[in-house]
C-alpha atoms as a PDB file:
ATOM      1  CA  MET A   1    -106.490  36.690 -37.732  1.00  0.00           C
ATOM      2  CA  THR A   2    -110.131  37.750 -37.886  1.00  0.00           C
ATOM      3  CA  ARG A   3    -112.142  40.493 -39.540  1.00  0.00           C
ATOM      4  CA  ASP A   4    -114.819  42.776 -38.168  1.00  0.00           C
ATOM      5  CA  ASP A   5    -118.202  43.424 -39.737  1.00  0.00           C
ATOM      6  CA  ASP A   6    -116.651  45.935 -42.165  1.00  0.00           C
ATOM      7  CA  GLY A   7    -114.034  43.426 -43.308  1.00  0.00           C
ATOM      8  CA  GLU A   8    -111.117  45.070 -41.504  1.00  0.00           C
ATOM      9  CA  ARG A   9    -108.470  42.735 -40.112  1.00  0.00           C
ATOM     10  CA  ARG A  10    -107.902  42.020 -36.430  1.00  0.00           C
ATOM     11  CA  TRP A  11    -104.918  40.181 -34.935  1.00  0.00           C
ATOM     12  CA  SER A  12    -104.588  38.187 -31.738  1.00  0.00           C
ATOM     13  CA  ILE A  13    -101.633  38.835 -29.464  1.00  0.00           C
ATOM     14  CA  GLY A  14    -100.008  35.586 -30.598  1.00  0.00           C
ATOM     15  CA  GLU A  15    -100.388  36.480 -34.280  1.00  0.00           C
ATOM     16  CA  LEU A  16     -98.990  39.955 -33.651  1.00  0.00           C
ATOM     17  CA  ALA A  17     -96.014  38.556 -31.711  1.00  0.00           C
ATOM     18  CA  LYS A  18     -95.198  36.066 -34.470  1.00  0.00           C
ATOM     19  CA  ALA A  19     -95.502  38.622 -37.273  1.00  0.00           C
ATOM     20  CA  SER A  20     -93.570  41.408 -35.534  1.00  0.00           C
ATOM     21  CA  GLY A  21     -90.850  39.419 -33.757  1.00  0.00           C
ATOM     22  CA  VAL A  22     -91.880  40.974 -30.444  1.00  0.00           C
ATOM     23  CA  THR A  23     -92.511  38.523 -27.619  1.00  0.00           C
ATOM     24  CA  ILE A  24     -95.947  38.181 -26.051  1.00  0.00           C
ATOM     25  CA  ARG A  25     -94.405  39.206 -22.756  1.00  0.00           C
ATOM     26  CA  THR A  26     -93.151  42.448 -24.328  1.00  0.00           C
ATOM     27  CA  LEU A  27     -96.589  43.148 -25.793  1.00  0.00           C
ATOM     28  CA  TYR A  28     -98.121  42.649 -22.341  1.00  0.00           C
ATOM     29  CA  HIS A  29     -95.583  45.135 -20.956  1.00  0.00           C
ATOM     30  CA  TYR A  30     -96.321  47.652 -23.709  1.00  0.00           C
ATOM     31  CA  GLU A  31    -100.001  47.437 -22.805  1.00  0.00           C
ATOM     32  CA  GLU A  32     -99.356  47.761 -19.069  1.00  0.00           C
ATOM     33  CA  ILE A  33     -97.479  51.048 -19.557  1.00  0.00           C
ATOM     34  CA  GLY A  34    -100.021  52.331 -22.082  1.00  0.00           C
ATOM     35  CA  LEU A  35     -97.649  52.217 -25.016  1.00  0.00           C
ATOM     36  CA  VAL A  36     -99.429  49.776 -27.339  1.00  0.00           C
ATOM     37  CA  PRO A  37    -102.766  48.735 -25.847  1.00  0.00           C
ATOM     38  CA  ALA A  38    -105.058  46.439 -27.820  1.00  0.00           C
ATOM     39  CA  SER A  39    -107.919  48.535 -29.143  1.00  0.00           C
ATOM     40  CA  GLU A  40    -110.493  45.766 -28.843  1.00  0.00           C
ATOM     41  CA  ARG A  41    -111.418  42.714 -26.784  1.00  0.00           C
ATOM     42  CA  THR A  42    -113.507  39.722 -27.693  1.00  0.00           C
ATOM     43  CA  SER A  43    -116.508  38.728 -25.617  1.00  0.00           C
ATOM     44  CA  SER A  44    -114.266  36.254 -23.809  1.00  0.00           C
ATOM     45  CA  GLY A  45    -111.681  38.970 -23.047  1.00  0.00           C
ATOM     46  CA  HIS A  46    -109.022  38.133 -25.638  1.00  0.00           C
ATOM     47  CA  ARG A  47    -107.075  41.010 -27.119  1.00  0.00           C
ATOM     48  CA  ARG A  48    -107.618  42.041 -30.724  1.00  0.00           C
ATOM     49  CA  TYR A  49    -105.218  44.433 -32.416  1.00  0.00           C
ATOM     50  CA  THR A  50    -106.315  46.742 -35.223  1.00  0.00           C
ATOM     51  CA  GLY A  51    -104.372  48.176 -38.126  1.00  0.00           C
ATOM     52  CA  ALA A  52    -103.824  51.360 -36.099  1.00  0.00           C
ATOM     53  CA  ASP A  53    -102.345  49.244 -33.282  1.00  0.00           C
ATOM     54  CA  LEU A  54     -99.935  47.620 -35.735  1.00  0.00           C
ATOM     55  CA  ARG A  55     -98.788  51.000 -37.015  1.00  0.00           C
ATOM     56  CA  ARG A  56     -98.276  52.179 -33.453  1.00  0.00           C
ATOM     57  CA  LEU A  57     -96.203  49.096 -32.656  1.00  0.00           C
ATOM     58  CA  TYR A  58     -94.090  49.714 -35.759  1.00  0.00           C
ATOM     59  CA  ARG A  59     -93.452  53.291 -34.651  1.00  0.00           C
ATOM     60  CA  VAL A  60     -92.440  52.073 -31.187  1.00  0.00           C
ATOM     61  CA  ARG A  61     -89.933  49.615 -32.628  1.00  0.00           C
ATOM     62  CA  ALA A  62     -88.560  52.186 -35.083  1.00  0.00           C
ATOM     63  CA  LEU A  63     -88.083  54.795 -32.359  1.00  0.00           C
ATOM     64  CA  ARG A  64     -86.432  52.216 -30.115  1.00  0.00           C
ATOM     65  CA  GLY A  65     -84.075  51.500 -32.973  1.00  0.00           C
ATOM     66  CA  LEU A  66     -83.152  55.194 -32.981  1.00  0.00           C
ATOM     67  CA  GLY A  67     -82.135  54.933 -29.326  1.00  0.00           C
ATOM     68  CA  LEU A  68     -85.140  56.491 -27.568  1.00  0.00           C
ATOM     69  CA  THR A  69     -86.411  55.249 -24.215  1.00  0.00           C
ATOM     70  CA  LEU A  70     -89.952  53.895 -23.820  1.00  0.00           C
ATOM     71  CA  GLU A  71     -90.899  56.999 -21.838  1.00  0.00           C
ATOM     72  CA  GLU A  72     -89.613  59.270 -24.615  1.00  0.00           C
ATOM     73  CA  ILE A  73     -91.438  57.194 -27.218  1.00  0.00           C
ATOM     74  CA  ARG A  74     -94.719  57.413 -25.336  1.00  0.00           C
ATOM     75  CA  GLY A  75     -94.389  61.195 -25.196  1.00  0.00           C
ATOM     76  CA  ILE A  76     -93.779  61.360 -28.944  1.00  0.00           C
ATOM     77  CA  LEU A  77     -96.700  59.075 -29.791  1.00  0.00           C
ATOM     78  CA  ASP A  78     -99.034  60.978 -27.486  1.00  0.00           C
ATOM     79  CA  ARG A  79     -98.165  64.197 -29.296  1.00  0.00           C
ATOM     80  CA  SER A  80     -98.321  62.846 -32.856  1.00  0.00           C
ATOM     81  CA  SER A  81    -101.205  61.540 -34.876  1.00  0.00           C
ATOM     82  CA  ASP A  82    -101.601  58.238 -36.697  1.00  0.00           C
ATOM     83  CA  ASP A  83    -101.498  59.600 -40.230  1.00  0.00           C
ATOM     84  CA  LEU A  84     -99.419  59.390 -43.393  1.00  0.00           C
ATOM     85  CA  THR A  85     -97.396  62.500 -42.573  1.00  0.00           C
ATOM     86  CA  ALA A  86     -96.324  61.220 -39.163  1.00  0.00           C
ATOM     87  CA  LEU A  87     -95.446  57.794 -40.548  1.00  0.00           C
ATOM     88  CA  ARG A  88     -93.543  59.345 -43.469  1.00  0.00           C
ATOM     89  CA  ALA A  89     -91.499  61.484 -41.072  1.00  0.00           C
ATOM     90  CA  LEU A  90     -90.659  58.484 -38.926  1.00  0.00           C
ATOM     91  CA  LEU A  91     -89.662  56.318 -41.881  1.00  0.00           C
ATOM     92  CA  GLY A  92     -87.556  59.175 -43.243  1.00  0.00           C
ATOM     93  CA  ALA A  93     -85.684  59.466 -39.944  1.00  0.00           C
ATOM     94  CA  GLN A  94     -85.184  55.722 -39.807  1.00  0.00           C
ATOM     95  CA  LEU A  95     -83.886  55.658 -43.386  1.00  0.00           C
ATOM     96  CA  ALA A  96     -81.477  58.522 -42.671  1.00  0.00           C
ATOM     97  CA  GLU A  97     -80.117  56.619 -39.668  1.00  0.00           C
ATOM     98  CA  LEU A  98     -79.626  53.497 -41.794  1.00  0.00           C
ATOM     99  CA  ASP A  99     -77.852  55.556 -44.465  1.00  0.00           C
ATOM    100  CA  LEU A 100     -75.533  56.953 -41.810  1.00  0.00           C
ATOM    101  CA  GLN A 101     -74.799  53.486 -40.462  1.00  0.00           C
ATOM    102  CA  ALA A 102     -74.008  52.357 -44.006  1.00  0.00           C
ATOM    103  CA  VAL A 103     -71.542  55.219 -44.441  1.00  0.00           C
ATOM    104  CA  ARG A 104     -69.822  54.341 -41.174  1.00  0.00           C
ATOM    105  CA  ILE A 105     -69.599  50.705 -42.229  1.00  0.00           C
ATOM    106  CA  ASP A 106     -68.094  51.751 -45.579  1.00  0.00           C
ATOM    107  CA  GLN A 107     -65.466  53.817 -43.757  1.00  0.00           C
ATOM    108  CA  LEU A 108     -64.620  50.897 -41.491  1.00  0.00           C
ATOM    109  CA  ARG A 109     -64.445  48.560 -44.496  1.00  0.00           C
ATOM    110  CA  GLU A 110     -62.013  50.950 -46.194  1.00  0.00           C
ATOM    111  CA  ARG A 111     -59.731  51.077 -43.149  1.00  0.00           C
ATOM    112  CA  ILE A 112     -59.765  47.322 -42.657  1.00  0.00           C
ATOM    113  CA  GLY A 113     -59.295  46.795 -46.396  1.00  0.00           C
ATOM    114  CA  GLY A 114     -56.132  48.890 -46.260  1.00  0.00           C
ATOM    115  CA  LEU A 115     -54.748  46.747 -43.468  1.00  0.00           C
ATOM    116  CA  VAL A 116     -55.645  43.575 -45.342  1.00  0.00           C
ATOM    117  CA  THR A 117     -53.801  44.903 -48.409  1.00  0.00           C
ATOM    118  CA  LEU A 118     -50.670  45.459 -46.337  1.00  0.00           C
ATOM    119  CA  LEU A 119     -50.918  41.969 -44.886  1.00  0.00           C
ATOM    120  CA  ASP A 120     -51.458  40.466 -48.358  1.00  0.00           C
ATOM    121  CA  GLN A 121     -48.218  42.143 -49.395  1.00  0.00           C
ATOM    122  CA  ALA A 122     -46.523  40.643 -46.330  1.00  0.00           C
ATOM    123  CA  VAL A 123     -45.794  44.164 -45.076  1.00  0.00           C
ATOM    124  CA  MET A 124     -46.098  44.959 -41.382  1.00  0.00           C
ATOM    125  CA  PRO A 125     -46.821  48.676 -40.825  1.00  0.00           C
ATOM    126  CA  ASP A 126     -43.948  50.514 -39.193  1.00  0.00           C
ATOM    127  CA  PRO A 127     -44.654  51.004 -35.452  1.00  0.00           C
ATOM    128  CA  GLU A 128     -43.854  54.724 -35.670  1.00  0.00           C
ATOM    129  CA  ARG A 129     -46.379  55.140 -38.478  1.00  0.00           C
ATOM    130  CA  VAL A 130     -48.987  53.236 -36.502  1.00  0.00           C
ATOM    131  CA  MET A 131     -48.353  55.478 -33.494  1.00  0.00           C
ATOM    132  CA  ALA A 132     -48.527  58.605 -35.652  1.00  0.00           C
ATOM    133  CA  ALA A 133     -51.801  57.446 -37.178  1.00  0.00           C
ATOM    134  CA  LEU A 134     -53.253  56.706 -33.741  1.00  0.00           C
ATOM    135  CA  GLU A 135     -52.207  60.130 -32.470  1.00  0.00           C
ATOM    136  CA  LEU A 136     -53.711  61.877 -35.492  1.00  0.00           C
ATOM    137  CA  HIS A 137     -56.941  59.919 -35.118  1.00  0.00           C
ATOM    138  CA  SER A 138     -57.149  60.867 -31.443  1.00  0.00           C
ATOM    139  CA  VAL A 139     -56.519  64.544 -32.189  1.00  0.00           C
ATOM    140  CA  TYR A 140     -59.066  64.467 -35.025  1.00  0.00           C
ATOM    141  CA  GLU A 141     -61.767  63.054 -32.763  1.00  0.00           C
ATOM    142  CA  SER A 142     -61.006  65.622 -30.070  1.00  0.00           C
ATOM    143  CA  TYR A 143     -61.851  68.447 -32.493  1.00  0.00           C
ATOM    144  CA  PHE A 144     -64.554  66.786 -34.617  1.00  0.00           C
ATOM    145  CA  ASP A 145     -67.214  65.300 -32.358  1.00  0.00           C
ATOM    146  CA  GLN A 146     -69.423  62.441 -33.552  1.00  0.00           C
ATOM    147  CA  GLU A 147     -72.090  64.813 -34.896  1.00  0.00           C
ATOM    148  CA  LEU A 148     -69.579  66.713 -37.037  1.00  0.00           C
ATOM    149  CA  ARG A 149     -67.993  63.464 -38.223  1.00  0.00           C
ATOM    150  CA  ASP A 150     -71.449  62.253 -39.216  1.00  0.00           C
ATOM    151  CA  HIS A 151     -72.029  65.437 -41.242  1.00  0.00           C
ATOM    152  CA  LEU A 152     -68.752  64.832 -43.061  1.00  0.00           C
ATOM    153  CA  ALA A 153     -69.692  61.210 -43.665  1.00  0.00           C
ATOM    154  CA  ARG A 154     -73.065  62.211 -45.104  1.00  0.00           C
ATOM    155  CA  ARG A 155     -71.410  64.752 -47.391  1.00  0.00           C
ATOM    156  CA  ARG A 156     -68.948  62.154 -48.684  1.00  0.00           C
ATOM    157  CA  ALA A 157     -71.855  59.789 -49.295  1.00  0.00           C
ATOM    158  CA  GLU A 158     -73.755  62.522 -51.175  1.00  0.00           C
ATOM    159  CA  LEU A 159     -70.784  63.237 -53.420  1.00  0.00           C
ATOM    160  CA  GLY A 160     -70.043  59.576 -54.079  1.00  0.00           C
ATOM    161  CA  GLN A 161     -66.753  57.760 -54.592  1.00  0.00           C
ATOM    162  CA  ASP A 162     -66.134  59.024 -58.121  1.00  0.00           C
ATOM    163  CA  ARG A 163     -66.517  62.702 -57.232  1.00  0.00           C
ATOM    164  CA  MET A 164     -64.453  62.271 -54.072  1.00  0.00           C
ATOM    165  CA  ALA A 165     -61.707  60.658 -56.161  1.00  0.00           C
ATOM    166  CA  GLY A 166     -61.947  63.629 -58.534  1.00  0.00           C
ATOM    167  CA  TYR A 167     -61.591  66.069 -55.638  1.00  0.00           C
ATOM    168  CA  ARG A 168     -58.552  64.188 -54.380  1.00  0.00           C
ATOM    169  CA  ALA A 169     -56.910  64.337 -57.813  1.00  0.00           C
ATOM    170  CA  GLU A 170     -57.721  68.048 -58.077  1.00  0.00           C
ATOM    171  CA  TRP A 171     -56.386  68.664 -54.564  1.00  0.00           C
ATOM    172  CA  LEU A 172     -53.104  66.961 -55.393  1.00  0.00           C
ATOM    173  CA  GLY A 173     -52.805  68.928 -58.628  1.00  0.00           C
ATOM    174  CA  LEU A 174     -53.410  72.260 -56.903  1.00  0.00           C
ATOM    175  CA  LEU A 175     -51.038  71.313 -54.098  1.00  0.00           C
ATOM    176  CA  ARG A 176     -48.324  70.453 -56.617  1.00  0.00           C
ATOM    177  CA  GLU A 177     -48.836  73.741 -58.477  1.00  0.00           C
ATOM    178  CA  GLY A 178     -48.843  75.692 -55.214  1.00  0.00           C
ATOM    179  CA  CYS A 179     -45.602  73.999 -54.158  1.00  0.00           C
ATOM    180  CA  ARG A 180     -43.982  74.871 -57.470  1.00  0.00           C
ATOM    181  CA  LEU A 181     -44.941  78.533 -57.222  1.00  0.00           C
ATOM    182  CA  MET A 182     -43.974  78.753 -53.564  1.00  0.00           C
ATOM    183  CA  ARG A 183     -40.578  77.136 -54.105  1.00  0.00           C
ATOM    184  CA  ALA A 184     -39.950  79.540 -56.994  1.00  0.00           C
ATOM    185  CA  GLY A 185     -40.559  82.468 -54.650  1.00  0.00           C
ATOM    186  CA  THR A 186     -43.565  83.755 -56.621  1.00  0.00           C
ATOM    187  CA  PRO A 187     -45.273  86.635 -54.745  1.00  0.00           C
ATOM    188  CA  VAL A 188     -48.718  85.825 -53.347  1.00  0.00           C
ATOM    189  CA  ASP A 189     -50.314  88.655 -55.333  1.00  0.00           C
ATOM    190  CA  ASP A 190     -49.011  87.232 -58.619  1.00  0.00           C
ATOM    191  CA  PRO A 191     -51.933  86.396 -60.989  1.00  0.00           C
ATOM    192  CA  ARG A 192     -50.746  82.792 -61.271  1.00  0.00           C
ATOM    193  CA  VAL A 193     -50.867  82.343 -57.492  1.00  0.00           C
ATOM    194  CA  GLN A 194     -54.224  84.074 -57.321  1.00  0.00           C
ATOM    195  CA  GLU A 195     -55.630  81.766 -60.007  1.00  0.00           C
ATOM    196  CA  VAL A 196     -54.506  78.610 -58.183  1.00  0.00           C
ATOM    197  CA  THR A 197     -55.787  79.995 -54.880  1.00  0.00           C
ATOM    198  CA  GLY A 198     -59.174  80.708 -56.458  1.00  0.00           C
ATOM    199  CA  ARG A 199     -59.431  77.137 -57.716  1.00  0.00           C
ATOM    200  CA  TRP A 200     -58.415  75.852 -54.276  1.00  0.00           C
ATOM    201  CA  GLU A 201     -61.201  77.879 -52.641  1.00  0.00           C
ATOM    202  CA  ALA A 202     -63.736  76.729 -55.242  1.00  0.00           C
ATOM    203  CA  MET A 203     -62.810  73.112 -54.589  1.00  0.00           C
ATOM    204  CA  ALA A 204     -63.203  73.616 -50.831  1.00  0.00           C
ATOM    205  CA  ALA A 205     -66.607  75.227 -51.377  1.00  0.00           C
ATOM    206  CA  GLY A 206     -67.744  72.223 -53.387  1.00  0.00           C
ATOM    207  CA  LEU A 207     -66.985  69.956 -50.453  1.00  0.00           C
ATOM    208  CA  GLN A 208     -68.916  72.038 -47.931  1.00  0.00           C
ATOM    209  CA  VAL A 209     -72.143  70.849 -46.334  1.00  0.00           C
ATOM    210  CA  SER A 210     -75.280  72.812 -47.206  1.00  0.00           C
ATOM    211  CA  ASP A 211     -76.146  73.915 -43.661  1.00  0.00           C
ATOM    212  CA  PRO A 212     -74.277  77.231 -43.065  1.00  0.00           C
ATOM    213  CA  LYS A 213     -74.161  76.725 -39.293  1.00  0.00           C
ATOM    214  CA  VAL A 214     -72.682  73.240 -39.610  1.00  0.00           C
ATOM    215  CA  ALA A 215     -70.276  74.445 -42.300  1.00  0.00           C
ATOM    216  CA  GLU A 216     -69.043  77.151 -39.925  1.00  0.00           C
ATOM    217  CA  GLN A 217     -68.588  74.586 -37.137  1.00  0.00           C
ATOM    218  CA  LEU A 218     -66.658  72.293 -39.449  1.00  0.00           C
ATOM    219  CA  GLN A 219     -64.438  75.117 -40.621  1.00  0.00           C
ATOM    220  CA  GLY A 220     -63.735  76.169 -37.039  1.00  0.00           C
ATOM    221  CA  ALA A 221     -62.912  72.611 -35.996  1.00  0.00           C
ATOM    222  CA  GLY A 222     -60.700  72.178 -39.042  1.00  0.00           C
ATOM    223  CA  MET A 223     -58.757  75.373 -38.345  1.00  0.00           C
ATOM    224  CA  ALA A 224     -58.307  74.420 -34.683  1.00  0.00           C
ATOM    225  CA  LEU A 225     -57.071  70.978 -35.705  1.00  0.00           C
ATOM    226  CA  TRP A 226     -54.725  72.469 -38.261  1.00  0.00           C
ATOM    227  CA  ARG A 227     -53.214  74.887 -35.730  1.00  0.00           C
ATOM    228  CA  ARG A 228     -52.420  71.974 -33.426  1.00  0.00           C
ATOM    229  CA  ALA A 229     -51.452  69.204 -35.810  1.00  0.00           C
ATOM    230  CA  GLY A 230     -50.784  70.833 -39.182  1.00  0.00           C
ATOM    231  CA  ALA A 231     -47.110  69.872 -39.274  1.00  0.00           C
ATOM    232  CA  GLN A 232     -47.913  66.327 -38.146  1.00  0.00           C
ATOM    233  CA  VAL A 233     -50.597  65.977 -40.814  1.00  0.00           C
ATOM    234  CA  GLY A 234     -48.195  67.320 -43.408  1.00  0.00           C
ATOM    235  CA  ALA A 235     -45.514  64.835 -42.374  1.00  0.00           C
ATOM    236  CA  GLU A 236     -47.953  61.913 -42.611  1.00  0.00           C
ATOM    237  CA  ILE A 237     -49.220  62.998 -46.048  1.00  0.00           C
ATOM    238  CA  SER A 238     -45.689  63.605 -47.305  1.00  0.00           C
ATOM    239  CA  ARG A 239     -44.898  59.921 -46.635  1.00  0.00           C
ATOM    240  CA  GLN A 240     -47.604  59.046 -49.143  1.00  0.00           C
ATOM    241  CA  ILE A 241     -46.598  61.590 -51.839  1.00  0.00           C
ATOM    242  CA  ASP A 242     -43.038  61.250 -53.099  1.00  0.00           C
ATOM    243  CA  TRP A 243     -42.698  64.841 -54.353  1.00  0.00           C
ATOM    244  CA  LEU A 244     -43.997  66.444 -51.125  1.00  0.00           C
ATOM    245  CA  GLU A 245     -41.534  67.403 -48.390  1.00  0.00           C
ATOM    246  CA  ALA A 246     -42.584  67.147 -44.746  1.00  0.00           C
ATOM    247  CA  ASP A 247     -42.817  70.929 -44.302  1.00  0.00           C
ATOM    248  CA  ASP A 248     -44.452  71.652 -47.655  1.00  0.00           C
ATOM    249  CA  LEU A 249     -48.105  71.105 -46.772  1.00  0.00           C
ATOM    250  CA  PRO A 250     -48.377  73.598 -43.895  1.00  0.00           C
ATOM    251  CA  ALA A 251     -46.240  76.034 -45.894  1.00  0.00           C
ATOM    252  CA  VAL A 252     -48.502  75.804 -48.965  1.00  0.00           C
ATOM    253  CA  ILE A 253     -51.647  76.210 -46.860  1.00  0.00           C
ATOM    254  CA  ASP A 254     -50.127  79.349 -45.365  1.00  0.00           C
ATOM    255  CA  TYR A 255     -49.144  80.457 -48.886  1.00  0.00           C
ATOM    256  CA  PHE A 256     -52.745  80.133 -50.099  1.00  0.00           C
ATOM    257  CA  GLN A 257     -54.044  81.954 -47.024  1.00  0.00           C
ATOM    258  CA  ARG A 258     -51.664  84.850 -47.607  1.00  0.00           C
ATOM    259  CA  ALA A 259     -52.713  84.935 -51.254  1.00  0.00           C
ATOM    260  CA  ARG A 260     -56.365  85.171 -50.242  1.00  0.00           C
ATOM    261  CA  ALA A 261     -55.576  87.920 -47.742  1.00  0.00           C
ATOM    262  CA  ALA A 262     -53.660  89.815 -50.423  1.00  0.00           C
ATOM    263  CA  ARG A 263     -56.680  89.651 -52.728  1.00  0.00           C
ATOM    264  CA  GLU A 264     -59.067  90.795 -50.005  1.00  0.00           C
ATOM    265  CA  HIS A 265     -56.880  93.764 -49.108  1.00  0.00           C
ATOM    266  CA  GLY A 266     -55.765  94.499 -52.650  1.00  0.00           C
END
């Protein structure tokens, strides 16, 4: 590493390769395609990289990590300036991607942890339950593409485990109360039904993502999924809740929807 007359640092290609983890061959290639050329040369023709070159190399590596091609990266760098705002935007995008990867890893850990718990208890999952879970997972992914699943994952991460646990407890409580009222034959316009329905809607609103367009897409995907697999979802959940019959969940959802319609037309 050297310094110029103003005291600013300069790096040789070997020093840059060692510090960045990029091979010298890759740096040669980046220069050949005009992606990260060395800004200066010594009198003997050796490359010298400036601080701006280092920042450009960092941006290249970060954008590659986000899945962009070298051609796409060159277009982005040619259109953007080497300033704090551009670097902040890039780091923000990189951080968001890492956060998303962390959420996905947490979800995978939770699934694998559940399997490990069963194995620790010397319990082999029933084949029919495994098949049902696989079918539900396949149907879920057919209606919620990766982008929508990522939005849901981000929202769960924003809320945190404690709040999500609170929502689950509230959901079970409202479901139990709705079942009780439904089984008793209580009319959907009854104030007690309307009160539970209002709390159900408020809970659902609290789980929504902030982007209205995405929220609408999620709601549409959820309704489409429910129309296809509502009974199957209800049967799977009923296996986990001793007081819930297989047909109760779709029936209660319909009960709440009729209660909401009664309020809107009342």
